Amino acid sequence: MATHGLPAWPWADTETAELPPAEALLLEGMRRWALAARTGAATLAAMRLPFIAEDAVAALRPLDALMRAVSASGMPGIACLLCPRATPSEAELLLAMALAQRGCRSQALGLLLRYVPPAQAYAAMPEALHLGIALRGAGLLLRNPLRMR
């Protein structure tokens, strides 16, 4: 599946302080998850605090499952909590989540296929959809990547 026709994602190399609230929450969750996974700590517990603050606790389990599926193949590019900018890999994962939340499943799947084998990408898609539903339920909408700029 070709993904080269997708628009350039504006969050690559963006300062984390300038991200919209939904994207900033997901980025912090991804980074907390990666740090916990690297140190052997509980990943769900590591992500919990910012999601409680945004009343988006329902998004924790789908994000955990999605990150497990994506990182099983060694996805590079998840930065530390204090890194000032979003990495290109983080931006592409945010794009995949935004596309899944907006119902653009084939494009979201195409982005996931960049990191994981087809079986894992197909297994991760329901988690991406559940994540989008949970975020929407908390009033957090990711930016529409097909209509930006």
N, C-alpha and C. Protein backbone atom coordinates (compact mmCIF):
# COMPACT_ATOMS: atom_id res chain seq x y z
N MET A 1 0.84 -1.17 0.00
CA MET A 1 0.00 0.00 0.00
C MET A 1 0.89 1.24 0.00
N ALA A 2 0.66 2.12 -0.90
CA ALA A 2 1.47 3.33 -0.99
C ALA A 2 1.00 4.38 0.01
N THR A 3 1.95 5.00 0.69
CA THR A 3 1.62 6.08 1.62
C THR A 3 2.31 7.37 1.21
N HIS A 4 2.99 7.37 0.08
CA HIS A 4 3.72 8.58 -0.31
C HIS A 4 2.79 9.69 -0.77
N GLY A 5 1.52 9.41 -1.02
CA GLY A 5 0.59 10.44 -1.45
C GLY A 5 -0.04 11.20 -0.31
N LEU A 6 0.23 10.80 0.93
CA LEU A 6 -0.33 11.51 2.07
C LEU A 6 0.34 12.87 2.21
N PRO A 7 -0.40 13.86 2.70
CA PRO A 7 0.20 15.19 2.86
C PRO A 7 1.29 15.19 3.91
N ALA A 8 2.19 16.15 3.80
CA ALA A 8 3.26 16.27 4.79
C ALA A 8 2.63 16.57 6.15
N TRP A 9 3.04 15.85 7.14
CA TRP A 9 2.45 16.04 8.47
C TRP A 9 3.15 17.19 9.16
N PRO A 10 2.41 18.18 9.58
CA PRO A 10 3.05 19.40 10.11
C PRO A 10 3.66 19.24 11.49
N TRP A 11 3.46 18.12 12.19
CA TRP A 11 3.98 18.02 13.54
C TRP A 11 5.42 17.54 13.58
N ALA A 12 5.99 17.07 12.49
CA ALA A 12 7.38 16.64 12.49
C ALA A 12 8.28 17.84 12.80
N ASP A 13 9.16 17.67 13.75
CA ASP A 13 10.10 18.70 14.21
C ASP A 13 9.41 19.92 14.81
N THR A 14 8.17 19.78 15.24
CA THR A 14 7.46 20.86 15.92
C THR A 14 7.81 20.82 17.40
N GLU A 15 7.91 21.97 18.00
CA GLU A 15 8.16 22.02 19.44
C GLU A 15 6.95 21.45 20.16
N THR A 16 7.19 20.66 21.17
CA THR A 16 6.10 19.98 21.87
C THR A 16 5.15 20.97 22.55
N ALA A 17 5.65 22.12 22.94
CA ALA A 17 4.80 23.12 23.58
C ALA A 17 3.80 23.74 22.60
N GLU A 18 4.05 23.62 21.31
CA GLU A 18 3.18 24.21 20.30
C GLU A 18 2.13 23.24 19.75
N LEU A 19 2.14 22.00 20.22
CA LEU A 19 1.18 21.01 19.74
C LEU A 19 -0.21 21.30 20.30
N PRO A 20 -1.26 20.98 19.53
CA PRO A 20 -2.63 21.08 20.07
C PRO A 20 -2.80 20.12 21.24
N PRO A 21 -3.79 20.34 22.09
CA PRO A 21 -3.94 19.51 23.31
C PRO A 21 -4.04 18.01 23.07
N ALA A 22 -4.81 17.58 22.09
CA ALA A 22 -4.97 16.14 21.86
C ALA A 22 -3.66 15.51 21.41
N GLU A 23 -2.96 16.16 20.49
CA GLU A 23 -1.69 15.63 20.02
C GLU A 23 -0.64 15.65 21.12
N ALA A 24 -0.65 16.70 21.94
CA ALA A 24 0.31 16.79 23.04
C ALA A 24 0.07 15.67 24.06
N LEU A 25 -1.19 15.36 24.34
CA LEU A 25 -1.50 14.28 25.26
C LEU A 25 -1.03 12.94 24.72
N LEU A 26 -1.30 12.66 23.46
CA LEU A 26 -0.86 11.40 22.86
C LEU A 26 0.66 11.31 22.81
N LEU A 27 1.31 12.40 22.47
CA LEU A 27 2.78 12.40 22.42
C LEU A 27 3.37 12.12 23.79
N GLU A 28 2.82 12.76 24.82
CA GLU A 28 3.31 12.50 26.17
C GLU A 28 3.04 11.05 26.57
N GLY A 29 1.88 10.54 26.21
CA GLY A 29 1.57 9.15 26.50
C GLY A 29 2.52 8.19 25.81
N MET A 30 2.82 8.46 24.53
CA MET A 30 3.76 7.60 23.79
C MET A 30 5.14 7.64 24.41
N ARG A 31 5.57 8.83 24.80
CA ARG A 31 6.91 8.96 25.39
C ARG A 31 6.98 8.31 26.77
N ARG A 32 5.93 8.47 27.57
CA ARG A 32 5.90 7.81 28.87
C ARG A 32 5.88 6.29 28.71
N TRP A 33 5.13 5.82 27.71
CA TRP A 33 5.08 4.39 27.45
C TRP A 33 6.46 3.86 27.07
N ALA A 34 7.13 4.56 26.17
CA ALA A 34 8.45 4.13 25.71
C ALA A 34 9.46 4.12 26.85
N LEU A 35 9.41 5.12 27.71
CA LEU A 35 10.33 5.17 28.85
C LEU A 35 10.06 4.00 29.79
N ALA A 36 8.81 3.72 30.07
CA ALA A 36 8.48 2.60 30.95
C ALA A 36 8.88 1.28 30.32
N ALA A 37 8.67 1.14 29.03
CA ALA A 37 9.04 -0.11 28.36
C ALA A 37 10.56 -0.31 28.38
N ARG A 38 11.31 0.78 28.20
CA ARG A 38 12.78 0.67 28.21
C ARG A 38 13.31 0.29 29.59
N THR A 39 12.65 0.78 30.64
CA THR A 39 13.13 0.52 32.01
C THR A 39 12.48 -0.70 32.64
N GLY A 40 11.53 -1.31 31.98
CA GLY A 40 10.87 -2.49 32.51
C GLY A 40 9.75 -2.18 33.49
N ALA A 41 9.28 -0.95 33.53
CA ALA A 41 8.19 -0.56 34.43
C ALA A 41 6.84 -0.86 33.78
N ALA A 42 5.80 -0.73 34.56
CA ALA A 42 4.44 -0.96 34.06
C ALA A 42 4.04 0.20 33.13
N THR A 43 3.73 -0.13 31.89
CA THR A 43 3.45 0.91 30.89
C THR A 43 2.12 1.63 31.14
N LEU A 44 1.10 0.90 31.54
CA LEU A 44 -0.20 1.55 31.81
C LEU A 44 -0.09 2.54 32.96
N ALA A 45 0.58 2.16 34.00
CA ALA A 45 0.74 3.05 35.15
C ALA A 45 1.57 4.28 34.79
N ALA A 46 2.54 4.12 33.92
CA ALA A 46 3.38 5.25 33.53
C ALA A 46 2.60 6.30 32.74
N MET A 47 1.62 5.88 31.97
CA MET A 47 0.86 6.82 31.14
C MET A 47 -0.32 7.44 31.87
N ARG A 48 -0.71 6.92 33.00
CA ARG A 48 -1.97 7.24 33.64
C ARG A 48 -2.18 8.72 33.99
N LEU A 49 -1.22 9.38 34.57
CA LEU A 49 -1.42 10.73 35.12
C LEU A 49 -1.92 11.76 34.10
N PRO A 50 -1.28 11.94 32.95
CA PRO A 50 -1.81 12.96 32.02
C PRO A 50 -3.19 12.61 31.47
N PHE A 51 -3.50 11.33 31.34
CA PHE A 51 -4.80 10.93 30.83
C PHE A 51 -5.89 11.14 31.87
N ILE A 52 -5.55 10.99 33.14
CA ILE A 52 -6.50 11.29 34.22
C ILE A 52 -6.80 12.78 34.21
N ALA A 53 -5.76 13.59 34.05
CA ALA A 53 -5.93 15.04 34.04
C ALA A 53 -6.85 15.51 32.91
N GLU A 54 -6.83 14.82 31.79
CA GLU A 54 -7.66 15.19 30.64
C GLU A 54 -8.98 14.40 30.59
N ASP A 55 -9.24 13.60 31.62
CA ASP A 55 -10.45 12.78 31.69
C ASP A 55 -10.55 11.85 30.48
N ALA A 56 -9.43 11.26 30.12
CA ALA A 56 -9.36 10.36 28.96
C ALA A 56 -8.78 9.01 29.35
N VAL A 57 -9.15 8.51 30.52
CA VAL A 57 -8.62 7.24 31.02
C VAL A 57 -9.00 6.09 30.10
N ALA A 58 -10.13 6.19 29.43
CA ALA A 58 -10.57 5.12 28.53
C ALA A 58 -9.60 4.92 27.37
N ALA A 59 -8.76 5.89 27.09
CA ALA A 59 -7.81 5.79 25.97
C ALA A 59 -6.53 5.06 26.36
N LEU A 60 -6.34 4.77 27.64
CA LEU A 60 -5.09 4.16 28.08
C LEU A 60 -4.88 2.75 27.52
N ARG A 61 -5.85 1.89 27.65
CA ARG A 61 -5.68 0.51 27.19
C ARG A 61 -5.48 0.42 25.67
N PRO A 62 -6.28 1.12 24.86
CA PRO A 62 -6.01 1.06 23.41
C PRO A 62 -4.63 1.61 23.04
N LEU A 63 -4.21 2.69 23.70
CA LEU A 63 -2.89 3.25 23.39
C LEU A 63 -1.79 2.27 23.81
N ASP A 64 -1.96 1.63 24.95
CA ASP A 64 -0.98 0.63 25.39
C ASP A 64 -0.89 -0.52 24.39
N ALA A 65 -2.03 -1.03 23.96
CA ALA A 65 -2.03 -2.14 23.00
C ALA A 65 -1.45 -1.71 21.65
N LEU A 66 -1.76 -0.49 21.22
CA LEU A 66 -1.22 0.02 19.96
C LEU A 66 0.29 0.17 20.04
N MET A 67 0.78 0.72 21.14
CA MET A 67 2.22 0.89 21.29
C MET A 67 2.93 -0.45 21.39
N ARG A 68 2.31 -1.43 22.03
CA ARG A 68 2.91 -2.77 22.09
C ARG A 68 3.03 -3.37 20.69
N ALA A 69 1.98 -3.21 19.90
CA ALA A 69 2.01 -3.77 18.54
C ALA A 69 3.05 -3.08 17.68
N VAL A 70 3.14 -1.76 17.79
CA VAL A 70 4.08 -1.01 16.96
C VAL A 70 5.51 -1.23 17.40
N SER A 71 5.73 -1.32 18.70
CA SER A 71 7.10 -1.46 19.18
C SER A 71 7.60 -2.89 19.13
N ALA A 72 6.72 -3.85 18.87
CA ALA A 72 7.15 -5.25 18.79
C ALA A 72 8.18 -5.46 17.69
N SER A 73 8.12 -4.63 16.66
CA SER A 73 9.09 -4.73 15.57
C SER A 73 10.23 -3.73 15.73
N GLY A 74 10.31 -3.11 16.90
CA GLY A 74 11.41 -2.19 17.17
C GLY A 74 11.25 -0.84 16.52
N MET A 75 10.08 -0.23 16.65
CA MET A 75 9.85 1.09 16.06
C MET A 75 10.82 2.11 16.65
N PRO A 76 11.61 2.74 15.83
CA PRO A 76 12.55 3.74 16.33
C PRO A 76 11.88 5.11 16.44
N GLY A 77 12.53 6.00 17.12
CA GLY A 77 12.12 7.38 17.05
C GLY A 77 11.19 7.89 18.12
N ILE A 78 10.92 7.14 19.18
CA ILE A 78 10.15 7.68 20.29
C ILE A 78 11.16 8.32 21.23
N ALA A 79 11.03 9.62 21.40
CA ALA A 79 12.03 10.39 22.15
C ALA A 79 11.76 10.32 23.65
N CYS A 80 12.63 10.95 24.41
CA CYS A 80 12.46 11.00 25.87
C CYS A 80 11.43 12.07 26.22
N LEU A 81 10.98 12.06 27.46
CA LEU A 81 9.95 13.00 27.91
C LEU A 81 10.36 14.46 27.77
N LEU A 82 11.62 14.74 27.92
CA LEU A 82 12.09 16.13 27.93
C LEU A 82 12.54 16.64 26.58
N CYS A 83 12.47 15.82 25.54
CA CYS A 83 12.90 16.27 24.22
C CYS A 83 11.97 17.40 23.76
N PRO A 84 12.54 18.48 23.24
CA PRO A 84 11.73 19.66 22.93
C PRO A 84 10.93 19.57 21.63
N ARG A 85 11.25 18.61 20.76
CA ARG A 85 10.58 18.54 19.47
C ARG A 85 10.05 17.13 19.22
N ALA A 86 9.00 17.07 18.42
CA ALA A 86 8.46 15.77 18.00
C ALA A 86 9.34 15.20 16.90
N THR A 87 9.67 13.94 17.01
CA THR A 87 10.48 13.29 15.99
C THR A 87 9.60 12.94 14.79
N PRO A 88 10.19 12.71 13.62
CA PRO A 88 9.39 12.30 12.47
C PRO A 88 8.59 11.02 12.70
N SER A 89 9.15 10.06 13.41
CA SER A 89 8.43 8.81 13.70
C SER A 89 7.23 9.08 14.60
N GLU A 90 7.40 9.94 15.60
CA GLU A 90 6.28 10.30 16.47
C GLU A 90 5.20 11.01 15.67
N ALA A 91 5.61 11.89 14.77
CA ALA A 91 4.65 12.63 13.96
C ALA A 91 3.86 11.69 13.05
N GLU A 92 4.53 10.69 12.49
CA GLU A 92 3.82 9.74 11.63
C GLU A 92 2.86 8.88 12.43
N LEU A 93 3.24 8.52 13.66
CA LEU A 93 2.33 7.75 14.49
C LEU A 93 1.13 8.61 14.91
N LEU A 94 1.35 9.88 15.19
CA LEU A 94 0.24 10.78 15.46
C LEU A 94 -0.68 10.91 14.24
N LEU A 95 -0.07 10.94 13.06
CA LEU A 95 -0.85 10.99 11.83
C LEU A 95 -1.70 9.74 11.68
N ALA A 96 -1.13 8.58 11.95
CA ALA A 96 -1.90 7.34 11.85
C ALA A 96 -3.08 7.35 12.82
N MET A 97 -2.86 7.84 14.03
CA MET A 97 -3.94 7.90 15.01
C MET A 97 -5.02 8.90 14.59
N ALA A 98 -4.59 10.03 14.04
CA ALA A 98 -5.56 11.03 13.58
C ALA A 98 -6.38 10.50 12.41
N LEU A 99 -5.74 9.81 11.50
CA LEU A 99 -6.46 9.24 10.36
C LEU A 99 -7.44 8.17 10.82
N ALA A 100 -7.03 7.36 11.80
CA ALA A 100 -7.94 6.34 12.32
C ALA A 100 -9.13 6.98 13.01
N GLN A 101 -8.89 8.06 13.76
CA GLN A 101 -10.00 8.73 14.44
C GLN A 101 -10.97 9.35 13.44
N ARG A 102 -10.45 9.81 12.31
CA ARG A 102 -11.29 10.44 11.29
C ARG A 102 -11.92 9.45 10.33
N GLY A 103 -11.62 8.16 10.49
CA GLY A 103 -12.24 7.14 9.65
C GLY A 103 -11.48 6.82 8.37
N CYS A 104 -10.29 7.32 8.23
CA CYS A 104 -9.47 7.03 7.04
C CYS A 104 -8.62 5.79 7.33
N ARG A 105 -9.26 4.65 7.36
CA ARG A 105 -8.60 3.43 7.82
C ARG A 105 -7.48 2.97 6.91
N SER A 106 -7.67 3.06 5.62
CA SER A 106 -6.64 2.54 4.72
C SER A 106 -5.35 3.35 4.83
N GLN A 107 -5.47 4.68 4.96
CA GLN A 107 -4.27 5.50 5.11
C GLN A 107 -3.60 5.25 6.46
N ALA A 108 -4.40 5.09 7.52
CA ALA A 108 -3.84 4.79 8.84
C ALA A 108 -3.11 3.45 8.82
N LEU A 109 -3.72 2.47 8.16
CA LEU A 109 -3.09 1.16 8.04
C LEU A 109 -1.78 1.27 7.25
N GLY A 110 -1.79 2.07 6.19
CA GLY A 110 -0.57 2.26 5.40
C GLY A 110 0.56 2.83 6.23
N LEU A 111 0.26 3.77 7.12
CA LEU A 111 1.31 4.33 7.98
C LEU A 111 1.80 3.30 8.99
N LEU A 112 0.89 2.50 9.53
CA LEU A 112 1.32 1.47 10.47
C LEU A 112 2.18 0.42 9.77
N LEU A 113 1.89 0.16 8.50
CA LEU A 113 2.68 -0.83 7.75
C LEU A 113 4.12 -0.38 7.54
N ARG A 114 4.41 0.89 7.73
CA ARG A 114 5.79 1.35 7.64
C ARG A 114 6.64 0.79 8.78
N TYR A 115 6.00 0.45 9.91
CA TYR A 115 6.73 0.05 11.10
C TYR A 115 6.60 -1.41 11.45
N VAL A 116 5.48 -2.01 11.11
CA VAL A 116 5.24 -3.39 11.55
C VAL A 116 4.82 -4.25 10.37
N PRO A 117 5.02 -5.55 10.48
CA PRO A 117 4.56 -6.47 9.44
C PRO A 117 3.03 -6.43 9.31
N PRO A 118 2.52 -6.88 8.18
CA PRO A 118 1.07 -6.78 7.93
C PRO A 118 0.19 -7.38 9.03
N ALA A 119 0.53 -8.54 9.54
CA ALA A 119 -0.32 -9.16 10.57
C ALA A 119 -0.41 -8.28 11.81
N GLN A 120 0.71 -7.70 12.23
CA GLN A 120 0.70 -6.83 13.40
C GLN A 120 -0.02 -5.52 13.12
N ALA A 121 0.12 -5.00 11.91
CA ALA A 121 -0.57 -3.76 11.56
C ALA A 121 -2.08 -3.96 11.57
N TYR A 122 -2.52 -5.09 11.01
CA TYR A 122 -3.95 -5.38 11.03
C TYR A 122 -4.44 -5.58 12.45
N ALA A 123 -3.63 -6.18 13.30
CA ALA A 123 -4.02 -6.36 14.70
C ALA A 123 -4.05 -5.04 15.46
N ALA A 124 -3.22 -4.08 15.05
CA ALA A 124 -3.16 -2.78 15.73
C ALA A 124 -4.29 -1.85 15.30
N MET A 125 -4.86 -2.07 14.15
CA MET A 125 -5.90 -1.15 13.66
C MET A 125 -7.12 -1.05 14.58
N PRO A 126 -7.66 -2.15 15.11
CA PRO A 126 -8.79 -1.98 16.03
C PRO A 126 -8.42 -1.14 17.25
N GLU A 127 -7.18 -1.28 17.72
CA GLU A 127 -6.75 -0.49 18.87
C GLU A 127 -6.68 0.99 18.51
N ALA A 128 -6.22 1.29 17.30
CA ALA A 128 -6.18 2.69 16.86
C ALA A 128 -7.60 3.26 16.77
N LEU A 129 -8.53 2.46 16.29
CA LEU A 129 -9.93 2.91 16.21
C LEU A 129 -10.52 3.12 17.60
N HIS A 130 -10.26 2.19 18.52
CA HIS A 130 -10.75 2.33 19.89
C HIS A 130 -10.12 3.54 20.57
N LEU A 131 -8.86 3.80 20.27
CA LEU A 131 -8.19 4.97 20.83
C LEU A 131 -8.87 6.25 20.34
N GLY A 132 -9.16 6.32 19.06
CA GLY A 132 -9.85 7.49 18.52
C GLY A 132 -11.22 7.69 19.13
N ILE A 133 -11.95 6.61 19.33
CA ILE A 133 -13.28 6.70 19.95
C ILE A 133 -13.16 7.18 21.40
N ALA A 134 -12.19 6.64 22.14
CA ALA A 134 -12.01 7.04 23.53
C ALA A 134 -11.62 8.51 23.64
N LEU A 135 -10.74 8.97 22.75
CA LEU A 135 -10.36 10.39 22.78
C LEU A 135 -11.53 11.28 22.41
N ARG A 136 -12.30 10.86 21.43
CA ARG A 136 -13.48 11.64 21.04
C ARG A 136 -14.48 11.71 22.20
N GLY A 137 -14.64 10.60 22.91
CA GLY A 137 -15.52 10.58 24.07
C GLY A 137 -15.08 11.53 25.17
N ALA A 138 -13.78 11.79 25.26
CA ALA A 138 -13.24 12.73 26.23
C ALA A 138 -13.22 14.16 25.69
N GLY A 139 -13.73 14.35 24.48
CA GLY A 139 -13.75 15.69 23.88
C GLY A 139 -12.44 16.09 23.23
N LEU A 140 -11.58 15.13 22.94
CA LEU A 140 -10.29 15.42 22.33
C LEU A 140 -10.29 14.95 20.88
N LEU A 141 -10.30 15.88 19.97
CA LEU A 141 -10.25 15.56 18.55
C LEU A 141 -8.87 15.89 18.00
N LEU A 142 -8.28 14.91 17.37
CA LEU A 142 -7.00 15.15 16.69
C LEU A 142 -7.27 15.98 15.45
N ARG A 143 -6.32 16.78 15.06
CA ARG A 143 -6.48 17.60 13.87
C ARG A 143 -6.70 16.75 12.65
N ASN A 144 -7.52 17.22 11.74
CA ASN A 144 -7.78 16.49 10.50
C ASN A 144 -6.57 16.65 9.59
N PRO A 145 -5.79 15.60 9.40
CA PRO A 145 -4.56 15.73 8.63
C PRO A 145 -4.78 15.96 7.14
N LEU A 146 -5.95 15.63 6.65
CA LEU A 146 -6.19 15.81 5.21
C LEU A 146 -6.70 17.20 4.88
N ARG A 147 -6.98 18.01 5.87
CA ARG A 147 -7.47 19.36 5.63
C ARG A 147 -6.60 20.44 6.21
N MET A 148 -5.44 20.08 6.72
CA MET A 148 -4.56 21.09 7.30
C MET A 148 -3.77 21.81 6.23
N ARG A 149 -3.55 23.03 6.47
CA ARG A 149 -2.72 23.93 5.63
C ARG A 149 -3.22 24.05 4.26
